[in-house]
Amino acid sequence: MIIVDRILEKRERENNPIKIGVVGAGEMSKGLVNQIFKHTPGMIISAVFNRNVSRAEDVVSYAGIEKFVETEEEDVFNDSVSKRIPVITSTVDLLVKNQELDIVIDMTGAIEFSAQLTMSCIEHKKDILSFNAELDATIGPILKHKADEAGVKYSVAEGDQPGVTMNLYRFVKGMGFKPLLCGNIKGMLDNYRNPTTQEGFAKSWGMSPYMATNFADGTKVAFEQACIANATGMGVAKRGMLGYESDKHVDELTHLFDIKDMEARGGIVDFVVGAKPGPGVFIYATTDDPHSKKYLEYGKVGKGPLYSFYVPYHLLFFEIPMSIARMVDFDDTIVASKNGPTVEVVAIAKKELRKGHKLDCIGGYDTYGICENTVDARRDNLLPMALAYRSVLLRDIAKDEVITFDDVDSADHELVFDLWIEQKSMFNL
């Protein structure tokens, strides 16, 4: 926020706002458009895309945007953007190809569509900010590589745990400490939740039961931690992560983790369930500097050798405008792969599954996702969670059994699958 607020104030004074195109019209998009229109100086909503254009209209109307244009025509779209009249459309290419939009924000959460959108943005030299941890955890490394080659910025946004964690990671590392663990604080976890059990909760928050299940069954935290692992080069201590349960504060849990093992692995990502402060994120770091140790103790951070740093919240769409300004004005990325993938999310059977069954989607009835080190996942030919959808089982699978490529006929080779194969080849996995 510091410095970013000043540059946005300057843009506001100079009548030179960042022009934003939002893709998607769900609850998070509604929050983002409302946040920018009402509370963020120095940037404007230029366009909102949704396949169902009436939902895009709902998003802009909710924010109080009274004057807007609905069009599928490129000339009308471009003219409206130029005149700073917000546009709603069901043609996403209009946003990607427009020369005046500074950045596209992907708020859809749909993996295949997001892959297509990201590649189209890269092709048309358009910076893209994503709120899709599932996509980044699966093919983020190759998307980052392709974006870099094209001179385009690609990043996952602040607001969810990966962005908040990476901000804290950079803060801790910038003070000369060595981060060894990037942690996520979960309130609950039940691998066997499904859209039926989560229907009431989902309805109360205006979300899909599948999205609510993704949060509850552990798949979401796996995707989030894989994003962080790939952005830092860290791994996991074991398949599925350690996932300790505790009602204590994370400051009191440093003894649970083996420093030597974490150092040997180059650091790990993990999570705790039920700990305080929740929901939040934390970093465990160490230092060899005696002077640092002395004043960390003086500052009530502890005696080490592991020191705990934490943020007690993540603020969803409230934080995304900061990511937008960082990318556009400071050439910064928030969460993006450091090199190749180090951790991926693999599919586990949520129940006994029969030969011939076609697997359903993330947050469904059939599978949940867990983290595995990429080197081990590829050695065992494990099926990535994001590629499991619509795969047909070639044999019976037991409950809690990991699913491999040998177990399925994955004939639906969509773009995300092709990019994953290319990523595998590029990084010699």
Protein backbone atom coordinates (compact mmCIF):
# COMPACT_ATOMS: atom_id res chain seq x y z
CA MET A 1 0.00 0.00 0.00
CA ILE A 2 2.82 2.40 0.87
CA ILE A 3 4.15 4.17 -2.28
CA VAL A 4 1.33 2.62 -4.33
CA ASP A 5 -1.14 5.02 -2.74
CA ARG A 6 1.03 7.98 -3.72
CA ILE A 7 1.33 6.94 -7.36
CA LEU A 8 -2.43 6.44 -7.58
CA GLU A 9 -3.04 9.85 -6.02
CA LYS A 10 -0.69 11.33 -8.62
CA ARG A 11 -2.57 9.59 -11.42
CA GLU A 12 -5.83 10.96 -10.05
CA ARG A 13 -4.47 14.51 -9.94
CA GLU A 14 -3.17 14.23 -13.49
CA ASN A 15 -6.39 12.64 -14.78
CA ASN A 16 -4.39 9.66 -16.02
CA PRO A 17 -6.09 6.60 -14.56
CA ILE A 18 -5.06 2.99 -15.05
CA LYS A 19 -7.66 1.49 -17.41
CA ILE A 20 -8.83 -1.93 -16.31
CA GLY A 21 -10.65 -4.76 -18.04
CA VAL A 22 -12.33 -7.27 -15.72
CA VAL A 23 -13.07 -10.81 -16.94
CA GLY A 24 -15.82 -12.60 -15.03
CA ALA A 25 -18.87 -11.46 -13.11
CA GLY A 26 -18.97 -13.50 -9.91
CA GLU A 27 -18.93 -12.29 -6.30
CA MET A 28 -15.22 -11.43 -6.35
CA SER A 29 -15.62 -9.46 -9.57
CA LYS A 30 -18.53 -7.60 -8.05
CA GLY A 31 -16.36 -6.73 -5.06
CA LEU A 32 -13.43 -5.65 -7.23
CA VAL A 33 -15.50 -3.37 -9.47
CA ASN A 34 -17.20 -1.86 -6.42
CA GLN A 35 -13.82 -1.34 -4.72
CA ILE A 36 -12.23 0.40 -7.70
CA PHE A 37 -15.23 2.54 -8.66
CA LYS A 38 -15.99 3.74 -5.13
CA HIS A 39 -12.75 3.63 -3.21
CA THR A 40 -9.65 3.59 -5.46
CA PRO A 41 -8.27 6.79 -6.98
CA GLY A 42 -6.12 6.66 -10.08
CA MET A 43 -7.81 3.75 -11.84
CA ILE A 44 -11.08 3.14 -13.66
CA ILE A 45 -13.19 0.20 -14.75
CA SER A 46 -13.12 0.36 -18.55
CA ALA A 47 -14.78 -2.96 -19.36
CA VAL A 48 -16.39 -6.03 -17.82
CA PHE A 49 -16.74 -9.30 -19.72
CA ASN A 50 -19.04 -12.17 -18.96
CA ARG A 51 -20.51 -14.82 -21.24
CA ASN A 52 -23.89 -13.95 -19.77
CA VAL A 53 -23.83 -10.19 -20.30
CA SER A 54 -26.69 -9.62 -17.87
CA ARG A 55 -24.38 -10.70 -15.05
CA ALA A 56 -21.81 -8.15 -16.18
CA GLU A 57 -24.58 -5.56 -16.05
CA ASP A 58 -25.39 -6.65 -12.50
CA VAL A 59 -21.74 -6.13 -11.52
CA VAL A 60 -21.47 -2.57 -12.80
CA SER A 61 -24.94 -1.64 -11.54
CA TYR A 62 -24.13 -2.96 -8.07
CA ALA A 63 -21.13 -0.62 -7.93
CA GLY A 64 -23.34 2.34 -8.81
CA ILE A 65 -22.05 2.79 -12.35
CA GLU A 66 -25.05 4.37 -14.03
CA LYS A 67 -23.64 5.17 -17.47
CA PHE A 68 -22.24 2.25 -19.44
CA VAL A 69 -22.39 0.75 -22.93
CA GLU A 70 -23.28 -2.82 -23.89
CA THR A 71 -21.72 -3.92 -27.17
CA GLU A 72 -20.12 -6.75 -29.13
CA GLU A 73 -18.80 -4.40 -31.81
CA GLU A 74 -15.10 -3.56 -31.77
CA ASP A 75 -15.49 0.04 -32.98
CA VAL A 76 -18.13 0.86 -30.35
CA PHE A 77 -16.08 -0.87 -27.65
CA ASN A 78 -12.89 1.00 -28.50
CA ASP A 79 -14.69 4.34 -28.78
CA SER A 80 -16.33 3.87 -25.38
CA VAL A 81 -13.06 2.93 -23.70
CA SER A 82 -11.40 5.97 -25.26
CA LYS A 83 -14.20 8.19 -23.89
CA ARG A 84 -13.93 6.50 -20.47
CA ILE A 85 -17.43 5.10 -20.63
CA PRO A 86 -17.47 1.60 -19.06
CA VAL A 87 -18.39 -1.23 -21.43
CA ILE A 88 -20.01 -4.58 -20.73
CA THR A 89 -19.64 -7.32 -23.32
CA SER A 90 -19.83 -11.08 -23.93
CA THR A 91 -16.88 -10.92 -26.37
CA VAL A 92 -13.67 -11.31 -24.41
CA ASP A 93 -11.42 -10.61 -27.41
CA LEU A 94 -12.55 -6.99 -27.30
CA LEU A 95 -10.73 -6.55 -23.99
CA VAL A 96 -7.64 -8.46 -25.04
CA LYS A 97 -7.18 -6.58 -28.32
CA ASN A 98 -7.98 -3.08 -27.10
CA GLN A 99 -4.86 -0.89 -27.13
CA GLU A 100 -5.92 1.45 -24.33
CA LEU A 101 -6.59 -1.06 -21.56
CA ASP A 102 -3.54 -1.23 -19.32
CA ILE A 103 -4.28 -4.64 -17.83
CA VAL A 104 -6.78 -7.50 -17.84
CA ILE A 105 -7.91 -9.02 -14.54
CA ASP A 106 -8.99 -12.67 -14.69
CA MET A 107 -11.63 -13.27 -12.00
CA THR A 108 -13.24 -16.37 -13.51
CA GLY A 109 -11.67 -19.30 -11.63
CA ALA A 110 -12.24 -21.53 -14.68
CA ILE A 111 -9.02 -23.33 -15.55
CA GLU A 112 -9.45 -24.02 -19.27
CA PHE A 113 -11.00 -20.64 -20.03
CA SER A 114 -8.31 -18.89 -17.97
CA ALA A 115 -5.58 -20.72 -19.85
CA GLN A 116 -7.06 -19.56 -23.15
CA LEU A 117 -7.45 -16.01 -21.85
CA THR A 118 -3.90 -15.85 -20.53
CA MET A 119 -2.41 -17.14 -23.76
CA SER A 120 -4.49 -14.67 -25.76
CA CYS A 121 -3.28 -11.80 -23.56
CA ILE A 122 0.31 -12.92 -24.03
CA GLU A 123 -0.20 -13.13 -27.80
CA HIS A 124 -1.63 -9.60 -27.89
CA LYS A 125 1.00 -8.14 -25.51
CA LYS A 126 -1.54 -7.48 -22.75
CA ASP A 127 -0.52 -7.73 -19.09
CA ILE A 128 -2.73 -10.11 -17.12
CA LEU A 129 -3.37 -10.38 -13.40
CA SER A 130 -5.00 -13.61 -12.27
CA PHE A 131 -7.10 -14.55 -9.26
CA ASN A 132 -6.85 -18.20 -10.24
CA ALA A 133 -4.53 -20.23 -8.00
CA GLU A 134 -5.71 -23.45 -9.66
CA LEU A 135 -4.38 -22.35 -13.03
CA ASP A 136 -1.10 -21.02 -11.68
CA ALA A 137 -0.39 -24.13 -9.60
CA THR A 138 -0.88 -26.28 -12.69
CA ILE A 139 0.77 -24.39 -15.56
CA GLY A 140 2.00 -21.15 -13.98
CA PRO A 141 5.67 -21.85 -14.77
CA ILE A 142 5.12 -22.11 -18.52
CA LEU A 143 2.72 -19.15 -18.54
CA LYS A 144 5.37 -17.06 -16.78
CA HIS A 145 8.00 -18.25 -19.26
CA LYS A 146 5.84 -17.39 -22.26
CA ALA A 147 4.89 -14.02 -20.78
CA ASP A 148 8.55 -13.18 -20.16
CA GLU A 149 9.44 -14.13 -23.74
CA ALA A 150 6.67 -11.87 -25.04
CA GLY A 151 7.59 -8.96 -22.77
CA VAL A 152 4.27 -9.28 -20.93
CA LYS A 153 3.63 -9.35 -17.18
CA TYR A 154 1.75 -12.32 -15.71
CA SER A 155 1.02 -12.66 -11.99
CA VAL A 156 -1.41 -13.98 -9.41
CA ALA A 157 -2.96 -11.16 -7.39
CA GLU A 158 -2.88 -10.23 -3.75
CA GLY A 159 -6.02 -10.89 -1.75
CA ASP A 160 -5.81 -14.68 -1.43
CA GLN A 161 -3.22 -16.48 0.65
CA PRO A 162 -0.52 -16.84 -2.05
CA GLY A 163 -0.25 -13.08 -2.62
CA VAL A 164 -0.32 -12.24 1.09
CA THR A 165 2.27 -14.94 1.79
CA MET A 166 4.61 -13.73 -0.95
CA ASN A 167 4.41 -10.17 0.36
CA LEU A 168 5.38 -11.43 3.81
CA TYR A 169 8.08 -13.69 2.34
CA ARG A 170 9.69 -10.74 0.54
CA PHE A 171 9.42 -8.59 3.66
CA VAL A 172 11.10 -11.21 5.86
CA LYS A 173 13.76 -12.05 3.29
CA GLY A 174 14.43 -8.35 2.72
CA MET A 175 15.47 -7.97 6.36
CA GLY A 176 18.17 -10.60 5.87
CA PHE A 177 16.34 -13.55 7.40
CA LYS A 178 16.10 -16.96 5.73
CA PRO A 179 12.50 -18.12 5.21
CA LEU A 180 12.20 -21.86 5.76
CA LEU A 181 8.45 -22.34 5.90
CA CYS A 182 5.56 -20.58 4.18
CA GLY A 183 2.43 -21.50 6.08
CA ASN A 184 -1.33 -21.23 5.63
CA ILE A 185 -3.74 -21.21 8.58
CA LYS A 186 -6.91 -23.21 7.90
CA GLY A 187 -10.00 -23.03 10.09
CA MET A 188 -11.14 -26.54 9.17
CA LEU A 189 -10.40 -29.32 6.71
CA ASP A 190 -12.46 -32.36 5.74
CA ASN A 191 -11.32 -34.17 2.60
CA TYR A 192 -14.73 -35.76 2.13
CA ARG A 193 -16.90 -32.64 1.92
CA ASN A 194 -18.93 -32.36 -1.28
CA PRO A 195 -21.37 -29.97 -2.99
CA THR A 196 -24.28 -31.44 -1.05
CA THR A 197 -22.69 -30.92 2.37
CA GLN A 198 -21.57 -27.40 1.39
CA GLU A 199 -24.80 -26.27 -0.27
CA GLY A 200 -26.09 -24.26 2.69
CA PHE A 201 -22.79 -22.49 3.33
CA ALA A 202 -22.38 -21.71 -0.37
CA LYS A 203 -25.89 -20.26 -0.63
CA SER A 204 -25.34 -18.00 2.38
CA TRP A 205 -22.30 -16.41 0.67
CA GLY A 206 -23.56 -16.36 -2.90
CA MET A 207 -21.00 -18.86 -4.17
CA SER A 208 -21.10 -22.14 -6.04
CA PRO A 209 -21.32 -25.30 -3.87
CA TYR A 210 -18.34 -26.60 -5.87
CA MET A 211 -16.29 -23.56 -4.90
CA ALA A 212 -17.28 -24.00 -1.26
CA THR A 213 -16.27 -27.66 -1.44
CA ASN A 214 -12.90 -26.72 -2.96
CA PHE A 215 -12.25 -24.62 0.15
CA ALA A 216 -13.44 -27.25 2.63
CA ASP A 217 -11.91 -30.46 1.25
CA GLY A 218 -8.33 -29.19 1.24
CA THR A 219 -7.92 -28.80 -2.51
CA LYS A 220 -7.81 -25.01 -2.40
CA VAL A 221 -5.08 -24.88 0.24
CA ALA A 222 -3.09 -27.38 -1.83
CA PHE A 223 -3.34 -25.18 -4.94
CA GLU A 224 -2.44 -22.08 -2.92
CA GLN A 225 0.63 -23.68 -1.35
CA ALA A 226 1.76 -25.05 -4.72
CA CYS A 227 1.65 -21.51 -6.12
CA ILE A 228 3.90 -20.34 -3.28
CA ALA A 229 6.25 -23.29 -3.66
CA ASN A 230 6.72 -22.60 -7.36
CA ALA A 231 7.26 -18.89 -6.69
CA THR A 232 9.92 -19.53 -4.04
CA GLY A 233 11.50 -22.81 -5.16
CA MET A 234 10.36 -24.55 -1.97
CA GLY A 235 8.98 -28.08 -1.66
CA VAL A 236 6.79 -30.10 0.70
CA ALA A 237 8.02 -32.23 3.60
CA LYS A 238 5.82 -35.13 2.52
CA ARG A 239 2.96 -35.95 0.15
CA GLY A 240 -0.07 -34.00 1.37
CA MET A 241 2.06 -31.70 3.58
CA LEU A 242 2.32 -32.12 7.36
CA GLY A 243 -0.93 -30.30 8.14
CA TYR A 244 -0.66 -30.19 11.92
CA GLU A 245 -3.79 -29.49 13.97
CA SER A 246 -3.54 -27.13 16.94
CA ASP A 247 -5.56 -24.50 18.78
CA LYS A 248 -2.40 -22.59 19.70
CA HIS A 249 -0.93 -19.49 18.06
CA VAL A 250 1.52 -20.11 15.22
CA ASP A 251 4.19 -18.41 17.37
CA GLU A 252 3.96 -21.49 19.62
CA LEU A 253 4.27 -24.12 16.90
CA THR A 254 7.83 -23.64 15.64
CA HIS A 255 8.96 -26.74 17.57
CA LEU A 256 6.88 -28.97 15.28
CA PHE A 257 9.16 -28.40 12.30
CA ASP A 258 12.63 -29.82 11.63
CA ILE A 259 15.01 -26.99 10.70
CA LYS A 260 17.63 -29.27 9.17
CA ASP A 261 15.08 -31.00 6.97
CA MET A 262 13.60 -27.68 5.85
CA GLU A 263 17.04 -26.29 5.04
CA ALA A 264 17.95 -29.43 3.09
CA ARG A 265 14.80 -29.00 1.01
CA GLY A 266 15.38 -25.29 0.42
CA GLY A 267 12.34 -24.52 2.56
CA ILE A 268 8.84 -25.99 2.59
CA VAL A 269 5.24 -24.92 2.20
CA ASP A 270 2.68 -26.27 4.64
CA PHE A 271 -0.48 -25.50 6.59
CA VAL A 272 -1.93 -25.81 10.08
CA VAL A 273 -5.56 -26.41 11.02
CA GLY A 274 -7.32 -24.60 13.86
CA ALA A 275 -4.37 -22.45 14.90
CA LYS A 276 -4.41 -18.73 15.59
CA PRO A 277 -4.58 -16.18 14.07
CA GLY A 278 -7.02 -17.42 11.50
CA PRO A 279 -7.53 -17.11 8.68
CA GLY A 280 -4.01 -15.94 8.05
CA VAL A 281 -0.57 -16.83 6.77
CA PHE A 282 2.83 -17.14 8.41
CA ILE A 283 6.53 -17.45 7.69
CA TYR A 284 9.04 -19.30 9.84
CA ALA A 285 12.54 -17.95 9.24
CA THR A 286 15.98 -18.26 10.74
CA THR A 287 19.21 -16.26 10.92
CA ASP A 288 22.85 -16.88 11.83
CA ASP A 289 23.56 -13.23 12.68
CA PRO A 290 24.11 -12.80 16.46
CA HIS A 291 23.08 -9.15 16.31
CA SER A 292 19.85 -10.05 14.53
CA LYS A 293 19.12 -12.75 17.11
CA LYS A 294 19.67 -10.30 19.95
CA TYR A 295 17.26 -7.71 18.63
CA LEU A 296 14.65 -10.18 17.45
CA GLU A 297 14.47 -11.28 21.08
CA TYR A 298 14.39 -7.63 22.19
CA GLY A 299 11.52 -7.04 19.75
CA LYS A 300 9.57 -9.93 21.35
CA VAL A 301 9.80 -12.09 18.22
CA GLY A 302 11.39 -14.89 20.27
CA LYS A 303 14.67 -16.63 20.94
CA GLY A 304 14.77 -18.73 17.77
CA PRO A 305 16.18 -20.63 16.08
CA LEU A 306 12.90 -20.35 14.13
CA TYR A 307 11.23 -16.95 14.20
CA SER A 308 7.55 -16.51 13.47
CA PHE A 309 6.13 -13.73 11.28
CA TYR A 310 2.45 -13.64 10.36
CA VAL A 311 -0.41 -11.72 8.78
CA PRO A 312 -3.78 -12.47 10.44
CA TYR A 313 -5.96 -12.03 7.36
CA HIS A 314 -6.26 -12.00 3.60
CA LEU A 315 -8.55 -9.37 2.16
CA LEU A 316 -9.81 -10.76 -1.15
CA PHE A 317 -10.76 -8.13 -3.73
CA PHE A 318 -9.86 -5.25 -1.39
CA GLU A 319 -6.16 -5.88 -2.11
CA ILE A 320 -6.32 -6.45 -5.86
CA PRO A 321 -6.05 -2.72 -6.79
CA MET A 322 -2.65 -2.69 -5.07
CA SER A 323 -1.54 -5.58 -7.31
CA ILE A 324 -2.80 -3.73 -10.37
CA ALA A 325 -0.77 -0.62 -9.54
CA ARG A 326 2.33 -2.68 -8.71
CA MET A 327 2.21 -4.39 -12.09
CA VAL A 328 1.34 -1.36 -14.21
CA ASP A 329 3.44 1.33 -12.52
CA PHE A 330 6.26 -0.62 -10.87
CA ASP A 331 6.80 -3.55 -13.26
CA ASP A 332 6.30 -5.86 -10.27
CA THR A 333 4.86 -9.36 -10.05
CA ILE A 334 3.20 -10.60 -6.90
CA VAL A 335 3.10 -14.37 -7.35
CA ALA A 336 4.76 -16.03 -10.34
CA SER A 337 6.93 -19.08 -10.85
CA LYS A 338 10.60 -18.64 -9.97
CA ASN A 339 11.84 -21.27 -12.40
CA GLY A 340 10.16 -24.59 -13.13
CA PRO A 341 7.52 -26.29 -10.97
CA THR A 342 8.65 -27.71 -7.63
CA VAL A 343 5.25 -28.73 -6.24
CA GLU A 344 2.03 -29.79 -7.95
CA VAL A 345 -1.47 -30.77 -6.83
CA VAL A 346 -2.43 -34.38 -7.53
CA ALA A 347 -5.83 -36.08 -7.48
CA ILE A 348 -6.95 -38.40 -4.67
CA ALA A 349 -10.16 -40.45 -4.66
CA LYS A 350 -12.71 -38.97 -2.27
CA LYS A 351 -14.67 -42.24 -2.28
CA GLU A 352 -14.51 -45.66 -3.91
CA LEU A 353 -14.67 -45.12 -7.67
CA ARG A 354 -15.52 -47.71 -10.31
CA LYS A 355 -13.94 -48.52 -13.65
CA GLY A 356 -15.62 -46.54 -16.44
CA HIS A 357 -16.58 -43.63 -14.19
CA LYS A 358 -15.95 -40.15 -15.59
CA LEU A 359 -14.37 -37.92 -12.95
CA ASP A 360 -16.15 -34.72 -12.03
CA CYS A 361 -14.65 -31.27 -11.51
CA ILE A 362 -12.63 -29.65 -8.73
CA GLY A 363 -14.75 -29.28 -5.61
CA GLY A 364 -16.98 -32.16 -6.66
CA TYR A 365 -17.92 -35.60 -5.34
CA ASP A 366 -15.05 -37.69 -6.71
CA THR A 367 -11.63 -36.26 -5.86
CA TYR A 368 -9.69 -33.92 -3.62
CA GLY A 369 -6.23 -32.51 -4.26
CA ILE A 370 -3.03 -32.69 -2.23
CA CYS A 371 0.48 -31.33 -2.73
CA GLU A 372 3.36 -33.48 -3.90
CA ASN A 373 6.91 -32.55 -4.89
CA THR A 374 7.02 -32.43 -8.67
CA VAL A 375 9.99 -34.74 -8.93
CA ASP A 376 8.06 -37.44 -7.01
CA ALA A 377 4.77 -36.78 -8.79
CA ARG A 378 6.39 -37.22 -12.17
CA ARG A 379 8.33 -40.29 -11.04
CA ASP A 380 5.04 -41.92 -10.01
CA ASN A 381 3.12 -40.56 -13.02
CA LEU A 382 0.47 -38.96 -10.79
CA LEU A 383 -2.57 -37.25 -12.30
CA PRO A 384 -2.67 -33.49 -11.64
CA MET A 385 -5.92 -32.41 -10.03
CA ALA A 386 -6.60 -29.80 -12.71
CA LEU A 387 -6.36 -32.44 -15.46
CA ALA A 388 -8.62 -35.00 -13.78
CA TYR A 389 -11.94 -33.51 -14.92
CA ARG A 390 -13.75 -35.74 -17.44
CA SER A 391 -11.01 -38.38 -17.33
CA VAL A 392 -12.47 -41.91 -17.50
CA LEU A 393 -11.22 -44.51 -15.02
CA LEU A 394 -9.63 -47.64 -16.48
CA ARG A 395 -9.82 -49.55 -13.17
CA ASP A 396 -11.49 -49.40 -9.77
CA ILE A 397 -9.94 -46.86 -7.39
CA ALA A 398 -10.09 -47.19 -3.61
CA LYS A 399 -11.04 -44.31 -1.33
CA ASP A 400 -7.99 -42.10 -0.58
CA GLU A 401 -5.96 -43.76 -3.33
CA VAL A 402 -3.83 -41.48 -5.47
CA ILE A 403 -4.80 -41.54 -9.16
CA THR A 404 -2.18 -41.90 -11.88
CA PHE A 405 -2.18 -41.27 -15.62
CA ASP A 406 -2.11 -45.06 -16.03
CA ASP A 407 -5.49 -45.24 -14.28
CA VAL A 408 -7.36 -42.97 -16.69
CA ASP A 409 -8.18 -42.30 -20.30
CA SER A 410 -7.67 -38.53 -20.50
CA ALA A 411 -8.77 -38.11 -24.09
CA ASP A 412 -9.97 -34.51 -23.66
CA HIS A 413 -6.72 -32.77 -24.53
CA GLU A 414 -7.64 -29.14 -24.04
CA LEU A 415 -5.22 -26.21 -24.04
CA VAL A 416 -4.39 -26.55 -20.35
CA PHE A 417 -3.40 -30.18 -20.95
CA ASP A 418 -1.25 -29.26 -23.95
CA LEU A 419 0.47 -26.49 -21.97
CA TRP A 420 1.09 -28.87 -19.07
CA ILE A 421 2.74 -31.35 -21.46
CA GLU A 422 4.84 -28.53 -22.93
CA GLN A 423 5.78 -27.40 -19.41
CA LYS A 424 6.79 -30.96 -18.50
CA SER A 425 9.06 -31.12 -21.53
CA MET A 426 10.48 -27.61 -21.09
CA PHE A 427 11.61 -28.27 -17.53
CA ASN A 428 12.70 -31.89 -18.15
CA LEU A 429 10.22 -33.38 -15.70
